[in-house]
N, C-alpha and C. Protein backbone atom coordinates (compact mmCIF):
# COMPACT_ATOMS: atom_id res chain seq x y z
N ASN A 1 -37.07 -78.93 286.92
CA ASN A 1 -36.81 -80.46 286.90
C ASN A 1 -35.94 -80.97 287.22
N THR A 2 -35.11 -81.77 287.75
CA THR A 2 -34.33 -82.45 288.53
C THR A 2 -33.24 -83.10 287.56
N SER A 3 -34.03 -83.59 286.56
CA SER A 3 -33.46 -83.71 285.42
C SER A 3 -34.39 -83.67 283.90
N ALA A 4 -33.80 -84.10 282.71
CA ALA A 4 -34.51 -83.35 281.76
C ALA A 4 -35.71 -84.51 281.26
N GLY A 5 -35.76 -85.65 281.88
CA GLY A 5 -36.54 -87.02 281.70
C GLY A 5 -37.32 -87.17 282.26
N SER A 6 -37.65 -86.06 283.34
CA SER A 6 -38.53 -85.98 284.39
C SER A 6 -39.52 -84.78 284.40
N VAL A 7 -40.99 -85.34 285.03
CA VAL A 7 -41.47 -84.45 285.70
C VAL A 7 -41.60 -84.10 287.15
N CYS A 8 -41.94 -83.07 287.58
CA CYS A 8 -41.90 -82.62 288.86
C CYS A 8 -43.69 -82.13 288.99
N GLN A 9 -43.60 -81.73 290.76
CA GLN A 9 -45.11 -81.08 291.28
C GLN A 9 -44.50 -79.71 290.47
N GLY A 10 -45.63 -79.08 289.98
CA GLY A 10 -45.33 -77.85 289.64
C GLY A 10 -45.49 -77.56 287.98
N ASP A 11 -45.22 -78.93 287.27
CA ASP A 11 -45.20 -78.91 286.00
C ASP A 11 -46.48 -79.43 285.41
N SER A 12 -47.45 -79.49 286.39
CA SER A 12 -48.84 -79.98 285.70
C SER A 12 -49.43 -78.98 285.02
N GLY A 13 -49.80 -79.60 283.90
CA GLY A 13 -50.71 -78.68 282.80
C GLY A 13 -49.90 -78.34 281.75
N GLY A 14 -48.90 -78.42 281.81
CA GLY A 14 -47.74 -78.29 280.78
C GLY A 14 -47.47 -78.84 279.84
N PRO A 15 -46.79 -78.50 278.91
CA PRO A 15 -46.94 -79.64 277.47
C PRO A 15 -46.32 -80.94 277.57
N LEU A 16 -46.44 -81.76 277.29
CA LEU A 16 -45.43 -82.84 276.73
C LEU A 16 -45.30 -82.86 275.34
N LEU A 17 -44.24 -82.73 274.88
CA LEU A 17 -43.63 -82.37 273.47
C LEU A 17 -43.12 -83.32 273.10
N LEU A 18 -43.28 -83.70 271.26
CA LEU A 18 -42.55 -84.89 270.39
C LEU A 18 -42.38 -84.70 269.37
N GLN A 19 -40.94 -84.82 268.79
CA GLN A 19 -40.45 -84.29 267.60
C GLN A 19 -40.48 -85.13 266.71
N GLU A 20 -41.95 -84.84 265.71
CA GLU A 20 -41.60 -85.87 264.57
C GLU A 20 -41.72 -85.39 263.23
N GLY A 21 -40.30 -85.77 262.79
CA GLY A 21 -40.29 -85.33 261.25
C GLY A 21 -39.70 -84.09 260.85
N GLY A 22 -39.35 -83.25 262.44
CA GLY A 22 -38.75 -82.30 262.38
C GLY A 22 -39.72 -80.94 262.49
N THR A 23 -40.94 -81.61 263.18
CA THR A 23 -41.86 -80.58 263.59
C THR A 23 -42.28 -80.67 265.23
N TRP A 24 -42.22 -80.12 265.83
CA TRP A 24 -42.65 -80.28 267.21
C TRP A 24 -44.47 -80.21 267.62
N SER A 25 -44.96 -81.60 268.29
CA SER A 25 -46.36 -81.26 267.98
C SER A 25 -46.44 -81.48 269.71
N VAL A 26 -47.84 -81.38 270.27
CA VAL A 26 -47.96 -81.74 271.55
C VAL A 26 -48.58 -83.03 271.88
N ALA A 27 -48.25 -84.02 272.62
CA ALA A 27 -48.30 -85.09 272.60
C ALA A 27 -48.95 -85.44 274.01
N GLY A 28 -48.70 -84.94 274.92
CA GLY A 28 -49.62 -84.81 276.06
C GLY A 28 -49.67 -83.76 277.06
N VAL A 29 -50.49 -83.87 278.01
CA VAL A 29 -50.20 -82.87 279.38
C VAL A 29 -49.74 -83.62 280.22
N ILE A 30 -48.76 -82.86 281.00
CA ILE A 30 -47.90 -83.45 282.46
C ILE A 30 -49.27 -83.15 283.47
N SER A 31 -49.01 -83.96 284.61
CA SER A 31 -49.55 -84.38 285.06
C SER A 31 -48.50 -85.06 286.42
N ALA A 32 -47.72 -84.45 287.31
CA ALA A 32 -47.45 -85.08 288.62
C ALA A 32 -47.66 -84.74 289.44
N ASN A 33 -48.42 -85.97 290.29
CA ASN A 33 -48.95 -86.31 291.36
C ASN A 33 -48.25 -86.05 293.06
N SER A 34 -46.69 -85.84 293.01
CA SER A 34 -46.28 -85.91 294.19
C SER A 34 -44.69 -85.37 293.76
N THR A 35 -43.95 -84.87 294.90
CA THR A 35 -42.45 -84.26 294.41
C THR A 35 -41.87 -85.85 294.30
N LEU A 36 -42.53 -87.03 294.67
CA LEU A 36 -41.34 -88.13 294.71
C LEU A 36 -41.34 -88.28 293.17
N ALA A 37 -42.20 -87.80 292.07
CA ALA A 37 -42.24 -88.15 290.68
C ALA A 37 -40.66 -87.76 290.59
N CYS A 38 -40.08 -86.36 291.02
CA CYS A 38 -39.37 -85.96 290.66
C CYS A 38 -37.59 -87.05 291.04
N SER A 39 -37.57 -87.16 292.25
CA SER A 39 -37.05 -88.17 292.69
C SER A 39 -36.76 -89.22 292.11
N PHE A 40 -37.88 -89.89 291.74
CA PHE A 40 -37.74 -91.30 291.09
C PHE A 40 -37.49 -91.54 289.31
N GLY A 41 -38.02 -90.37 288.97
CA GLY A 41 -38.07 -90.34 287.43
C GLY A 41 -38.95 -90.44 286.69
N ASP A 42 -40.38 -90.47 287.91
CA ASP A 42 -41.51 -91.55 287.16
C ASP A 42 -42.38 -90.03 286.30
N ASN A 43 -43.16 -90.50 285.28
CA ASN A 43 -43.42 -89.64 284.28
C ASN A 43 -45.42 -89.80 284.52
N PHE A 44 -45.72 -88.76 284.58
CA PHE A 44 -47.20 -88.80 284.66
C PHE A 44 -48.00 -88.11 283.62
N TYR A 45 -48.52 -88.47 282.87
CA TYR A 45 -49.12 -87.50 281.69
C TYR A 45 -50.41 -87.99 280.90
N ALA A 46 -51.17 -86.85 280.49
CA ALA A 46 -52.22 -87.48 279.53
C ALA A 46 -51.84 -87.53 278.40
N ASN A 47 -52.18 -88.98 277.72
CA ASN A 47 -51.52 -88.93 276.13
C ASN A 47 -52.63 -88.53 275.50
N LEU A 48 -52.19 -87.21 274.58
CA LEU A 48 -53.61 -86.84 273.68
C LEU A 48 -53.84 -87.84 272.96
N ARG A 49 -52.69 -88.65 272.21
CA ARG A 49 -53.31 -89.57 271.09
C ARG A 49 -54.65 -90.59 271.71
N HIS A 50 -54.57 -90.79 272.76
CA HIS A 50 -55.24 -91.91 273.31
C HIS A 50 -56.87 -91.32 272.77
N PRO A 51 -57.48 -92.49 272.34
CA PRO A 51 -58.81 -92.41 271.66
C PRO A 51 -59.94 -91.76 272.20
N GLU A 52 -59.84 -91.91 273.76
CA GLU A 52 -60.94 -91.21 274.45
C GLU A 52 -60.65 -89.89 275.16
N ILE A 53 -59.21 -89.31 275.12
CA ILE A 53 -58.85 -88.26 275.36
C ILE A 53 -58.67 -87.27 274.02
N ALA A 54 -58.51 -87.88 273.44
CA ALA A 54 -58.54 -86.78 272.04
C ALA A 54 -59.65 -86.00 271.38
N PRO A 55 -60.54 -86.99 271.20
CA PRO A 55 -61.39 -85.78 271.04
C PRO A 55 -62.31 -85.02 271.60
N PHE A 56 -61.92 -85.28 273.29
CA PHE A 56 -62.13 -84.59 274.17
C PHE A 56 -61.67 -82.94 273.85
N VAL A 57 -60.35 -83.25 273.85
CA VAL A 57 -59.52 -81.93 273.51
C VAL A 57 -59.79 -81.15 272.21
N LEU A 58 -59.86 -82.07 270.80
CA LEU A 58 -59.94 -81.47 269.89
C LEU A 58 -61.62 -80.63 270.13
N ASP A 59 -62.54 -81.55 270.79
CA ASP A 59 -64.03 -80.29 270.61
C ASP A 59 -63.83 -79.08 271.32
N ARG A 60 -62.51 -79.11 272.48
CA ARG A 60 -62.80 -78.15 272.83
C ARG A 60 -61.72 -76.83 272.59
N VAL A 61 -60.70 -77.28 271.64
CA VAL A 61 -59.83 -76.47 271.09
C VAL A 61 -59.79 -76.46 269.78
N PRO A 62 -60.82 -75.59 268.73
CA PRO A 62 -61.11 -75.64 267.70
C PRO A 62 -60.27 -75.54 266.34
N ASP A 63 -58.85 -74.80 266.88
CA ASP A 63 -57.84 -74.66 265.82
C ASP A 63 -56.73 -75.76 265.80
N ALA A 64 -57.23 -76.71 266.99
CA ALA A 64 -56.31 -77.74 267.03
C ALA A 64 -56.21 -78.33 265.27
N VAL A 65 -55.15 -79.16 265.20
CA VAL A 65 -54.82 -80.05 264.28
C VAL A 65 -54.29 -81.34 264.41
N ARG A 66 -55.00 -82.42 264.29
CA ARG A 66 -54.79 -83.93 264.73
C ARG A 66 -53.63 -84.31 263.92
N ARG A 67 -52.35 -84.87 264.11
CA ARG A 67 -51.29 -85.19 263.13
C ARG A 67 -51.15 -86.89 263.28
């Protein structure tokens, strides 16, 4: 990464973490679409709390816990 707030090509598939109440949670999956994302600070990710995405993930990861 070029900065702590940006994702870059090559980061795709990695977790987007969020700390809530002292506990870290996976809030998204990173998906950078070009090297320009690094230069401009654009962030692309799938929000795992989205009502259409959460069920997809929870169906495939049996030990996942929704918070």
